Amino acid sequence: MAMGIFRALGAAAMIAVLSGCVDHANHPVLLAVGVPVNPPAVAHGLCMTDGNAMYDEAKRQYELRAQLTGYAQADALEAETIARAAAHRQYVACLSGQGYRTLYAN
């Protein structure tokens, strides 16, 4: 019985230690450049909202262009690539306006 408790405590300690090693690959580190307007968490939230809006708008614009040109079989992969690139540009531009520079791990 006592050995089971020690094993459970050991497993819980190992999980706690290893959870600190989890890498957040797609989360940028925000470096302050000059005097930031908002704290990093607030700026990230604001700029993610702007990026998401730009993503939706870029997808909508791609679909409209495909309809106008008569390209009935619009490429979904190309639409996704264009929308992601537009959202990323908007996110980086917004963070620059907030006084931060993004640094990605990968």
PDB file of N, CA and C in Angstrom:
ATOM      1  N   MET A   1       0.818  -1.191   0.000  1.00  0.00           N
ATOM      2  CA  MET A   1       0.000   0.000   0.000  1.00  0.00           C
ATOM      3  C   MET A   1       0.863   1.255   0.000  1.00  0.00           C
ATOM      4  N   ALA A   2       1.854   1.292   0.866  1.00  0.00           N
ATOM      5  CA  ALA A   2       2.731   2.459   0.933  1.00  0.00           C
ATOM      6  C   ALA A   2       3.520   2.610  -0.361  1.00  0.00           C
ATOM      7  N   MET A   3       3.895   1.476  -0.963  1.00  0.00           N
ATOM      8  CA  MET A   3       4.657   1.526  -2.210  1.00  0.00           C
ATOM      9  C   MET A   3       3.809   2.124  -3.340  1.00  0.00           C
ATOM     10  N   GLY A   4       2.501   1.836  -3.347  1.00  0.00           N
ATOM     11  CA  GLY A   4       1.592   2.396  -4.351  1.00  0.00           C
ATOM     12  C   GLY A   4       1.471   3.901  -4.224  1.00  0.00           C
ATOM     13  N   ILE A   5       1.447   4.384  -2.982  1.00  0.00           N
ATOM     14  CA  ILE A   5       1.364   5.823  -2.757  1.00  0.00           C
ATOM     15  C   ILE A   5       2.632   6.516  -3.244  1.00  0.00           C
ATOM     16  N   PHE A   6       3.783   5.918  -2.960  1.00  0.00           N
ATOM     17  CA  PHE A   6       5.045   6.511  -3.418  1.00  0.00           C
ATOM     18  C   PHE A   6       5.147   6.500  -4.941  1.00  0.00           C
ATOM     19  N   ARG A   7       4.656   5.436  -5.566  1.00  0.00           N
ATOM     20  CA  ARG A   7       4.659   5.382  -7.034  1.00  0.00           C
ATOM     21  C   ARG A   7       3.747   6.465  -7.615  1.00  0.00           C
ATOM     22  N   ALA A   8       2.579   6.653  -7.017  1.00  0.00           N
ATOM     23  CA  ALA A   8       1.650   7.679  -7.505  1.00  0.00           C
ATOM     24  C   ALA A   8       2.239   9.068  -7.328  1.00  0.00           C
ATOM     25  N   LEU A   9       2.869   9.310  -6.169  1.00  0.00           N
ATOM     26  CA  LEU A   9       3.511  10.609  -5.951  1.00  0.00           C
ATOM     27  C   LEU A   9       4.684  10.819  -6.903  1.00  0.00           C
ATOM     28  N   GLY A  10       5.448   9.757  -7.136  1.00  0.00           N
ATOM     29  CA  GLY A  10       6.563   9.846  -8.084  1.00  0.00           C
ATOM     30  C   GLY A  10       6.082  10.134  -9.496  1.00  0.00           C
ATOM     31  N   ALA A  11       4.987   9.479  -9.902  1.00  0.00           N
ATOM     32  CA  ALA A  11       4.430   9.718 -11.239  1.00  0.00           C
ATOM     33  C   ALA A  11       3.907  11.151 -11.350  1.00  0.00           C
ATOM     34  N   ALA A  12       3.243  11.638 -10.303  1.00  0.00           N
ATOM     35  CA  ALA A  12       2.729  13.010 -10.324  1.00  0.00           C
ATOM     36  C   ALA A  12       3.868  14.016 -10.391  1.00  0.00           C
ATOM     37  N   ALA A  13       4.959  13.759  -9.660  1.00  0.00           N
ATOM     38  CA  ALA A  13       6.118  14.653  -9.702  1.00  0.00           C
ATOM     39  C   ALA A  13       6.754  14.640 -11.080  1.00  0.00           C
ATOM     40  N   MET A  14       6.849  13.462 -11.696  1.00  0.00           N
ATOM     41  CA  MET A  14       7.443  13.356 -13.036  1.00  0.00           C
ATOM     42  C   MET A  14       6.592  14.104 -14.057  1.00  0.00           C
ATOM     43  N   ILE A  15       5.278  13.993 -13.950  1.00  0.00           N
ATOM     44  CA  ILE A  15       4.383  14.709 -14.867  1.00  0.00           C
ATOM     45  C   ILE A  15       4.535  16.215 -14.691  1.00  0.00           C
ATOM     46  N   ALA A  16       4.646  16.660 -13.443  1.00  0.00           N
ATOM     47  CA  ALA A  16       4.805  18.098 -13.186  1.00  0.00           C
ATOM     48  C   ALA A  16       6.112  18.614 -13.756  1.00  0.00           C
ATOM     49  N   VAL A  17       7.178  17.844 -13.629  1.00  0.00           N
ATOM     50  CA  VAL A  17       8.478  18.271 -14.154  1.00  0.00           C
ATOM     51  C   VAL A  17       8.461  18.295 -15.677  1.00  0.00           C
ATOM     52  N   LEU A  18       7.899  17.261 -16.284  1.00  0.00           N
ATOM     53  CA  LEU A  18       7.890  17.186 -17.747  1.00  0.00           C
ATOM     54  C   LEU A  18       6.921  18.175 -18.383  1.00  0.00           C
ATOM     55  N   SER A  19       5.896  18.589 -17.661  1.00  0.00           N
ATOM     56  CA  SER A  19       4.962  19.552 -18.246  1.00  0.00           C
ATOM     57  C   SER A  19       5.632  20.907 -18.471  1.00  0.00           C
ATOM     58  N   GLY A  20       6.687  21.200 -17.740  1.00  0.00           N
ATOM     59  CA  GLY A  20       7.432  22.434 -17.960  1.00  0.00           C
ATOM     60  C   GLY A  20       8.275  22.394 -19.216  1.00  0.00           C
ATOM     61  N   CYS A  21       8.470  21.207 -19.776  1.00  0.00           N
ATOM     62  CA  CYS A  21       9.293  21.052 -20.977  1.00  0.00           C
ATOM     63  C   CYS A  21       8.480  21.129 -22.262  1.00  0.00           C
ATOM     64  N   VAL A  22       7.171  21.270 -22.159  1.00  0.00           N
ATOM     65  CA  VAL A  22       6.328  21.311 -23.342  1.00  0.00           C
ATOM     66  C   VAL A  22       6.642  22.576 -24.130  1.00  0.00           C
ATOM     67  N   ASP A  23       6.888  22.404 -25.413  1.00  0.00           N
ATOM     68  CA  ASP A  23       7.227  23.519 -26.283  1.00  0.00           C
ATOM     69  C   ASP A  23       5.961  24.052 -26.939  1.00  0.00           C
ATOM     70  N   HIS A  24       5.777  25.327 -26.901  1.00  0.00           N
ATOM     71  CA  HIS A  24       4.664  25.971 -27.582  1.00  0.00           C
ATOM     72  C   HIS A  24       5.188  26.482 -28.918  1.00  0.00           C
ATOM     73  N   ALA A  25       5.208  25.605 -29.911  1.00  0.00           N
ATOM     74  CA  ALA A  25       5.894  25.867 -31.166  1.00  0.00           C
ATOM     75  C   ALA A  25       5.323  27.046 -31.945  1.00  0.00           C
ATOM     76  N   ASN A  26       4.029  27.207 -31.944  1.00  0.00           N
ATOM     77  CA  ASN A  26       3.439  28.250 -32.769  1.00  0.00           C
ATOM     78  C   ASN A  26       3.091  29.512 -31.992  1.00  0.00           C
ATOM     79  N   HIS A  27       3.523  29.590 -30.761  1.00  0.00           N
ATOM     80  CA  HIS A  27       3.271  30.782 -29.969  1.00  0.00           C
ATOM     81  C   HIS A  27       4.494  31.692 -30.037  1.00  0.00           C
ATOM     82  N   PRO A  28       4.321  32.903 -30.503  1.00  0.00           N
ATOM     83  CA  PRO A  28       5.477  33.793 -30.606  1.00  0.00           C
ATOM     84  C   PRO A  28       5.875  34.383 -29.262  1.00  0.00           C
ATOM     85  N   VAL A  29       7.130  34.725 -29.166  1.00  0.00           N
ATOM     86  CA  VAL A  29       7.618  35.485 -28.022  1.00  0.00           C
ATOM     87  C   VAL A  29       7.582  36.941 -28.444  1.00  0.00           C
ATOM     88  N   LEU A  30       6.962  37.789 -27.636  1.00  0.00           N
ATOM     89  CA  LEU A  30       6.828  39.197 -27.991  1.00  0.00           C
ATOM     90  C   LEU A  30       7.938  39.989 -27.330  1.00  0.00           C
ATOM     91  N   LEU A  31       8.805  40.559 -28.152  1.00  0.00           N
ATOM     92  CA  LEU A  31       9.894  41.383 -27.661  1.00  0.00           C
ATOM     93  C   LEU A  31       9.496  42.848 -27.739  1.00  0.00           C
ATOM     94  N   ALA A  32       9.628  43.549 -26.646  1.00  0.00           N
ATOM     95  CA  ALA A  32       9.270  44.964 -26.626  1.00  0.00           C
ATOM     96  C   ALA A  32      10.296  45.771 -27.406  1.00  0.00           C
ATOM     97  N   VAL A  33       9.813  46.615 -28.306  1.00  0.00           N
ATOM     98  CA  VAL A  33      10.661  47.509 -29.076  1.00  0.00           C
ATOM     99  C   VAL A  33      10.181  48.918 -28.759  1.00  0.00           C
ATOM    100  N   GLY A  34      11.003  49.695 -28.146  1.00  0.00           N
ATOM    101  CA  GLY A  34      10.582  51.033 -27.736  1.00  0.00           C
ATOM    102  C   GLY A  34       9.698  50.950 -26.505  1.00  0.00           C
ATOM    103  N   VAL A  35       8.575  51.638 -26.536  1.00  0.00           N
ATOM    104  CA  VAL A  35       7.657  51.674 -25.403  1.00  0.00           C
ATOM    105  C   VAL A  35       6.350  51.009 -25.839  1.00  0.00           C
ATOM    106  N   PRO A  36       6.071  49.772 -25.382  1.00  0.00           N
ATOM    107  CA  PRO A  36       4.835  49.099 -25.783  1.00  0.00           C
ATOM    108  C   PRO A  36       3.600  49.812 -25.228  1.00  0.00           C
ATOM    109  N   VAL A  37       2.542  49.774 -25.992  1.00  0.00           N
ATOM    110  CA  VAL A  37       1.297  50.414 -25.598  1.00  0.00           C
ATOM    111  C   VAL A  37       0.549  49.544 -24.577  1.00  0.00           C
ATOM    112  N   ASN A  38       0.468  48.255 -24.839  1.00  0.00           N
ATOM    113  CA  ASN A  38      -0.263  47.313 -23.990  1.00  0.00           C
ATOM    114  C   ASN A  38       0.676  46.213 -23.501  1.00  0.00           C
ATOM    115  N   PRO A  39       0.302  45.501 -22.427  1.00  0.00           N
ATOM    116  CA  PRO A  39       1.082  44.333 -22.019  1.00  0.00           C
ATOM    117  C   PRO A  39       1.022  43.254 -23.105  1.00  0.00           C
ATOM    118  N   PRO A  40       1.985  42.322 -23.131  1.00  0.00           N
ATOM    119  CA  PRO A  40       2.021  41.317 -24.204  1.00  0.00           C
ATOM    120  C   PRO A  40       0.735  40.501 -24.357  1.00  0.00           C
ATOM    121  N   ALA A  41       0.119  40.108 -23.254  1.00  0.00           N
ATOM    122  CA  ALA A  41      -1.097  39.289 -23.353  1.00  0.00           C
ATOM    123  C   ALA A  41      -2.241  40.067 -24.005  1.00  0.00           C
ATOM    124  N   VAL A  42      -2.377  41.326 -23.691  1.00  0.00           N
ATOM    125  CA  VAL A  42      -3.437  42.154 -24.274  1.00  0.00           C
ATOM    126  C   VAL A  42      -3.156  42.404 -25.753  1.00  0.00           C
ATOM    127  N   ALA A  43      -1.905  42.728 -26.079  1.00  0.00           N
ATOM    128  CA  ALA A  43      -1.546  42.977 -27.480  1.00  0.00           C
ATOM    129  C   ALA A  43      -1.748  41.723 -28.322  1.00  0.00           C
ATOM    130  N   HIS A  44      -1.390  40.555 -27.773  1.00  0.00           N
ATOM    131  CA  HIS A  44      -1.565  39.296 -28.507  1.00  0.00           C
ATOM    132  C   HIS A  44      -3.053  39.048 -28.774  1.00  0.00           C
ATOM    133  N   GLY A  45      -3.883  39.271 -27.779  1.00  0.00           N
ATOM    134  CA  GLY A  45      -5.319  39.069 -27.963  1.00  0.00           C
ATOM    135  C   GLY A  45      -5.918  40.004 -28.992  1.00  0.00           C
ATOM    136  N   LEU A  46      -5.548  41.274 -28.933  1.00  0.00           N
ATOM    137  CA  LEU A  46      -6.050  42.245 -29.908  1.00  0.00           C
ATOM    138  C   LEU A  46      -5.613  41.897 -31.325  1.00  0.00           C
ATOM    139  N   CYS A  47      -4.348  41.543 -31.459  1.00  0.00           N
ATOM    140  CA  CYS A  47      -3.809  41.279 -32.792  1.00  0.00           C
ATOM    141  C   CYS A  47      -4.277  39.934 -33.347  1.00  0.00           C
ATOM    142  N   MET A  48      -4.558  38.967 -32.477  1.00  0.00           N
ATOM    143  CA  MET A  48      -5.138  37.709 -32.955  1.00  0.00           C
ATOM    144  C   MET A  48      -6.538  37.963 -33.520  1.00  0.00           C
ATOM    145  N   THR A  49      -7.280  38.850 -32.897  1.00  0.00           N
ATOM    146  CA  THR A  49      -8.608  39.201 -33.405  1.00  0.00           C
ATOM    147  C   THR A  49      -8.497  39.855 -34.779  1.00  0.00           C
ATOM    148  N   ASP A  50      -7.547  40.765 -34.933  1.00  0.00           N
ATOM    149  CA  ASP A  50      -7.320  41.393 -36.242  1.00  0.00           C
ATOM    150  C   ASP A  50      -6.902  40.359 -37.285  1.00  0.00           C
ATOM    151  N   GLY A  51      -6.012  39.458 -36.904  1.00  0.00           N
ATOM    152  CA  GLY A  51      -5.557  38.416 -37.823  1.00  0.00           C
ATOM    153  C   GLY A  51      -6.688  37.496 -38.248  1.00  0.00           C
ATOM    154  N   ASN A  52      -7.552  37.121 -37.306  1.00  0.00           N
ATOM    155  CA  ASN A  52      -8.689  36.257 -37.637  1.00  0.00           C
ATOM    156  C   ASN A  52      -9.661  36.959 -38.579  1.00  0.00           C
ATOM    157  N   ALA A  53      -9.885  38.246 -38.359  1.00  0.00           N
ATOM    158  CA  ALA A  53     -10.760  38.998 -39.259  1.00  0.00           C
ATOM    159  C   ALA A  53     -10.155  39.077 -40.660  1.00  0.00           C
ATOM    160  N   MET A  54      -8.843  39.269 -40.735  1.00  0.00           N
ATOM    161  CA  MET A  54      -8.183  39.330 -42.042  1.00  0.00           C
ATOM    162  C   MET A  54      -8.240  37.971 -42.739  1.00  0.00           C
ATOM    163  N   TYR A  55      -8.130  36.894 -41.985  1.00  0.00           N
ATOM    164  CA  TYR A  55      -8.222  35.544 -42.547  1.00  0.00           C
ATOM    165  C   TYR A  55      -9.586  35.349 -43.212  1.00  0.00           C
ATOM    166  N   ASP A  56     -10.651  35.701 -42.485  1.00  0.00           N
ATOM    167  CA  ASP A  56     -12.000  35.552 -43.037  1.00  0.00           C
ATOM    168  C   ASP A  56     -12.191  36.427 -44.283  1.00  0.00           C
ATOM    169  N   GLU A  57     -11.683  37.650 -44.224  1.00  0.00           N
ATOM    170  CA  GLU A  57     -11.833  38.564 -45.364  1.00  0.00           C
ATOM    171  C   GLU A  57     -11.051  38.080 -46.579  1.00  0.00           C
ATOM    172  N   ALA A  58      -9.856  37.563 -46.376  1.00  0.00           N
ATOM    173  CA  ALA A  58      -9.047  37.068 -47.499  1.00  0.00           C
ATOM    174  C   ALA A  58      -9.709  35.859 -48.145  1.00  0.00           C
ATOM    175  N   LYS A  59     -10.292  34.977 -47.348  1.00  0.00           N
ATOM    176  CA  LYS A  59     -11.000  33.819 -47.918  1.00  0.00           C
ATOM    177  C   LYS A  59     -12.210  34.276 -48.722  1.00  0.00           C
ATOM    178  N   ARG A  60     -12.939  35.242 -48.178  1.00  0.00           N
ATOM    179  CA  ARG A  60     -14.122  35.753 -48.872  1.00  0.00           C
ATOM    180  C   ARG A  60     -13.726  36.417 -50.188  1.00  0.00           C
ATOM    181  N   GLN A  61     -12.654  37.206 -50.174  1.00  0.00           N
ATOM    182  CA  GLN A  61     -12.177  37.871 -51.393  1.00  0.00           C
ATOM    183  C   GLN A  61     -11.726  36.862 -52.436  1.00  0.00           C
ATOM    184  N   TYR A  62     -11.068  35.789 -51.999  1.00  0.00           N
ATOM    185  CA  TYR A  62     -10.623  34.755 -52.944  1.00  0.00           C
ATOM    186  C   TYR A  62     -11.830  34.101 -53.618  1.00  0.00           C
ATOM    187  N   GLU A  63     -12.855  33.789 -52.831  1.00  0.00           N
ATOM    188  CA  GLU A  63     -14.050  33.171 -53.403  1.00  0.00           C
ATOM    189  C   GLU A  63     -14.762  34.115 -54.367  1.00  0.00           C
ATOM    190  N   LEU A  64     -14.808  35.405 -54.032  1.00  0.00           N
ATOM    191  CA  LEU A  64     -15.423  36.375 -54.940  1.00  0.00           C
ATOM    192  C   LEU A  64     -14.650  36.495 -56.242  1.00  0.00           C
ATOM    193  N   ARG A  65     -13.308  36.536 -56.156  1.00  0.00           N
ATOM    194  CA  ARG A  65     -12.499  36.599 -57.380  1.00  0.00           C
ATOM    195  C   ARG A  65     -12.694  35.355 -58.228  1.00  0.00           C
ATOM    196  N   ALA A  66     -12.821  34.199 -57.586  1.00  0.00           N
ATOM    197  CA  ALA A  66     -13.043  32.964 -58.338  1.00  0.00           C
ATOM    198  C   ALA A  66     -14.388  33.001 -59.054  1.00  0.00           C
ATOM    199  N   GLN A  67     -15.392  33.563 -58.420  1.00  0.00           N
ATOM    200  CA  GLN A  67     -16.706  33.680 -59.077  1.00  0.00           C
ATOM    201  C   GLN A  67     -16.676  34.675 -60.228  1.00  0.00           C
ATOM    202  N   LEU A  68     -15.989  35.809 -60.030  1.00  0.00           N
ATOM    203  CA  LEU A  68     -15.939  36.836 -61.068  1.00  0.00           C
ATOM    204  C   LEU A  68     -15.183  36.382 -62.300  1.00  0.00           C
ATOM    205  N   THR A  69     -14.143  35.597 -62.108  1.00  0.00           N
ATOM    206  CA  THR A  69     -13.349  35.148 -63.250  1.00  0.00           C
ATOM    207  C   THR A  69     -13.905  33.880 -63.879  1.00  0.00           C
ATOM    208  N   GLY A  70     -14.952  33.314 -63.265  1.00  0.00           N
ATOM    209  CA  GLY A  70     -15.532  32.105 -63.829  1.00  0.00           C
ATOM    210  C   GLY A  70     -14.749  30.858 -63.507  1.00  0.00           C
ATOM    211  N   TYR A  71     -13.857  30.955 -62.562  1.00  0.00           N
ATOM    212  CA  TYR A  71     -13.048  29.802 -62.165  1.00  0.00           C
ATOM    213  C   TYR A  71     -13.864  28.994 -61.164  1.00  0.00           C
ATOM    214  N   ALA A  72     -14.674  28.071 -61.691  1.00  0.00           N
ATOM    215  CA  ALA A  72     -15.638  27.354 -60.858  1.00  0.00           C
ATOM    216  C   ALA A  72     -14.970  26.429 -59.850  1.00  0.00           C
ATOM    217  N   GLN A  73     -13.829  25.888 -60.202  1.00  0.00           N
ATOM    218  CA  GLN A  73     -13.153  24.943 -59.316  1.00  0.00           C
ATOM    219  C   GLN A  73     -12.011  25.650 -58.590  1.00  0.00           C
ATOM    220  N   ALA A  74     -12.367  26.570 -57.720  1.00  0.00           N
ATOM    221  CA  ALA A  74     -11.356  27.314 -56.970  1.00  0.00           C
ATOM    222  C   ALA A  74     -10.558  26.355 -56.109  1.00  0.00           C
ATOM    223  N   ASP A  75      -9.274  26.571 -56.066  1.00  0.00           N
ATOM    224  CA  ASP A  75      -8.362  25.697 -55.330  1.00  0.00           C
ATOM    225  C   ASP A  75      -8.439  26.016 -53.835  1.00  0.00           C
ATOM    226  N   ALA A  76      -8.898  25.061 -53.039  1.00  0.00           N
ATOM    227  CA  ALA A  76      -9.057  25.274 -51.598  1.00  0.00           C
ATOM    228  C   ALA A  76      -7.705  25.460 -50.908  1.00  0.00           C
ATOM    229  N   LEU A  77      -6.693  24.753 -51.386  1.00  0.00           N
ATOM    230  CA  LEU A  77      -5.362  24.880 -50.780  1.00  0.00           C
ATOM    231  C   LEU A  77      -4.783  26.270 -51.032  1.00  0.00           C
ATOM    232  N   GLU A  78      -4.965  26.773 -52.240  1.00  0.00           N
ATOM    233  CA  GLU A  78      -4.479  28.116 -52.552  1.00  0.00           C
ATOM    234  C   GLU A  78      -5.227  29.175 -51.740  1.00  0.00           C
ATOM    235  N   ALA A  79      -6.539  28.997 -51.595  1.00  0.00           N
ATOM    236  CA  ALA A  79      -7.327  29.934 -50.789  1.00  0.00           C
ATOM    237  C   ALA A  79      -6.857  29.930 -49.343  1.00  0.00           C
ATOM    238  N   GLU A  80      -6.573  28.750 -48.807  1.00  0.00           N
ATOM    239  CA  GLU A  80      -6.092  28.640 -47.427  1.00  0.00           C
ATOM    240  C   GLU A  80      -4.714  29.284 -47.272  1.00  0.00           C
ATOM    241  N   THR A  81      -3.837  29.063 -48.238  1.00  0.00           N
ATOM    242  CA  THR A  81      -2.495  29.637 -48.185  1.00  0.00           C
ATOM    243  C   THR A  81      -2.542  31.156 -48.228  1.00  0.00           C
ATOM    244  N   ILE A  82      -3.356  31.690 -49.117  1.00  0.00           N
ATOM    245  CA  ILE A  82      -3.482  33.147 -49.235  1.00  0.00           C
ATOM    246  C   ILE A  82      -4.083  33.740 -47.960  1.00  0.00           C
ATOM    247  N   ALA A  83      -5.101  33.080 -47.412  1.00  0.00           N
ATOM    248  CA  ALA A  83      -5.758  33.587 -46.208  1.00  0.00           C
ATOM    249  C   ALA A  83      -4.816  33.547 -45.004  1.00  0.00           C
ATOM    250  N   ARG A  84      -4.044  32.473 -44.865  1.00  0.00           N
ATOM    251  CA  ARG A  84      -3.098  32.381 -43.742  1.00  0.00           C
ATOM    252  C   ARG A  84      -2.003  33.438 -43.853  1.00  0.00           C
ATOM    253  N   ALA A  85      -1.514  33.656 -45.067  1.00  0.00           N
ATOM    254  CA  ALA A  85      -0.469  34.661 -45.260  1.00  0.00           C
ATOM    255  C   ALA A  85      -0.997  36.060 -44.931  1.00  0.00           C
ATOM    256  N   ALA A  86      -2.215  36.344 -45.360  1.00  0.00           N
ATOM    257  CA  ALA A  86      -2.818  37.658 -45.066  1.00  0.00           C
ATOM    258  C   ALA A  86      -3.024  37.835 -43.567  1.00  0.00           C
ATOM    259  N   ALA A  87      -3.464  36.776 -42.887  1.00  0.00           N
ATOM    260  CA  ALA A  87      -3.684  36.857 -41.440  1.00  0.00           C
ATOM    261  C   ALA A  87      -2.364  37.059 -40.706  1.00  0.00           C
ATOM    262  N   HIS A  88      -1.310  36.377 -41.157  1.00  0.00           N
ATOM    263  CA  HIS A  88      -0.001  36.527 -40.512  1.00  0.00           C
ATOM    264  C   HIS A  88       0.544  37.941 -40.703  1.00  0.00           C
ATOM    265  N   ARG A  89       0.408  38.476 -41.918  1.00  0.00           N
ATOM    266  CA  ARG A  89       0.866  39.844 -42.166  1.00  0.00           C
ATOM    267  C   ARG A  89       0.115  40.839 -41.294  1.00  0.00           C
ATOM    268  N   GLN A  90      -1.189  40.641 -41.152  1.00  0.00           N
ATOM    269  CA  GLN A  90      -1.994  41.536 -40.325  1.00  0.00           C
ATOM    270  C   GLN A  90      -1.583  41.429 -38.861  1.00  0.00           C
ATOM    271  N   TYR A  91      -1.321  40.220 -38.390  1.00  0.00           N
ATOM    272  CA  TYR A  91      -0.915  40.005 -36.992  1.00  0.00           C
ATOM    273  C   TYR A  91       0.410  40.699 -36.704  1.00  0.00           C
ATOM    274  N   VAL A  92       1.382  40.520 -37.594  1.00  0.00           N
ATOM    275  CA  VAL A  92       2.699  41.130 -37.397  1.00  0.00           C
ATOM    276  C   VAL A  92       2.609  42.653 -37.483  1.00  0.00           C
ATOM    277  N   ALA A  93       1.815  43.164 -38.415  1.00  0.00           N
ATOM    278  CA  ALA A  93       1.656  44.615 -38.540  1.00  0.00           C
ATOM    279  C   ALA A  93       0.976  45.198 -37.303  1.00  0.00           C
ATOM    280  N   CYS A  94      -0.006  44.499 -36.789  1.00  0.00           N
ATOM    281  CA  CYS A  94      -0.695  44.960 -35.586  1.00  0.00           C
ATOM    282  C   CYS A  94       0.250  44.975 -34.395  1.00  0.00           C
ATOM    283  N   LEU A  95       1.048  43.922 -34.237  1.00  0.00           N
ATOM    284  CA  LEU A  95       1.998  43.892 -33.118  1.00  0.00           C
ATOM    285  C   LEU A  95       3.047  44.982 -33.246  1.00  0.00           C
ATOM    286  N   SER A  96       3.445  45.282 -34.460  1.00  0.00           N
ATOM    287  CA  SER A  96       4.397  46.380 -34.653  1.00  0.00           C
ATOM    288  C   SER A  96       3.792  47.687 -34.196  1.00  0.00           C
ATOM    289  N   GLY A  97       2.515  47.873 -34.492  1.00  0.00           N
ATOM    290  CA  GLY A  97       1.825  49.074 -34.051  1.00  0.00           C
ATOM    291  C   GLY A  97       1.678  49.144 -32.540  1.00  0.00           C
ATOM    292  N   GLN A  98       1.633  47.995 -31.890  1.00  0.00           N
ATOM    293  CA  GLN A  98       1.519  47.944 -30.439  1.00  0.00           C
ATOM    294  C   GLN A  98       2.873  48.103 -29.752  1.00  0.00           C
ATOM    295  N   GLY A  99       3.958  48.048 -30.521  1.00  0.00           N
ATOM    296  CA  GLY A  99       5.295  48.232 -29.934  1.00  0.00           C
ATOM    297  C   GLY A  99       6.043  46.952 -29.670  1.00  0.00           C
ATOM    298  N   TYR A 100       5.701  45.861 -30.390  1.00  0.00           N
ATOM    299  CA  TYR A 100       6.358  44.571 -30.185  1.00  0.00           C
ATOM    300  C   TYR A 100       6.917  44.032 -31.488  1.00  0.00           C
ATOM    301  N   ARG A 101       7.875  43.161 -31.358  1.00  0.00           N
ATOM    302  CA  ARG A 101       8.411  42.393 -32.475  1.00  0.00           C
ATOM    303  C   ARG A 101       8.202  40.929 -32.130  1.00  0.00           C
ATOM    304  N   THR A 102       7.750  40.130 -33.105  1.00  0.00           N
ATOM    305  CA  THR A 102       7.498  38.719 -32.845  1.00  0.00           C
ATOM    306  C   THR A 102       8.753  37.913 -33.095  1.00  0.00           C
ATOM    307  N   LEU A 103       8.961  36.921 -32.256  1.00  0.00           N
ATOM    308  CA  LEU A 103      10.093  36.010 -32.388  1.00  0.00           C
ATOM    309  C   LEU A 103       9.550  34.605 -32.283  1.00  0.00           C
ATOM    310  N   TYR A 104       9.720  33.812 -33.356  1.00  0.00           N
ATOM    311  CA  TYR A 104       9.195  32.446 -33.377  1.00  0.00           C
ATOM    312  C   TYR A 104      10.323  31.465 -33.116  1.00  0.00           C
ATOM    313  N   ALA A 105       9.995  30.358 -32.439  1.00  0.00           N
ATOM    314  CA  ALA A 105      10.997  29.353 -32.076  1.00  0.00           C
ATOM    315  C   ALA A 105      11.430  28.526 -33.275  1.00  0.00           C
ATOM    316  N   ASN A 106      10.527  28.294 -34.227  1.00  0.00           N
ATOM    317  CA  ASN A 106      10.884  27.427 -35.349  1.00  0.00           C
ATOM    318  C   ASN A 106      11.144  28.180 -36.589  1.00  0.00           C
TER     319      ASN A 106
END
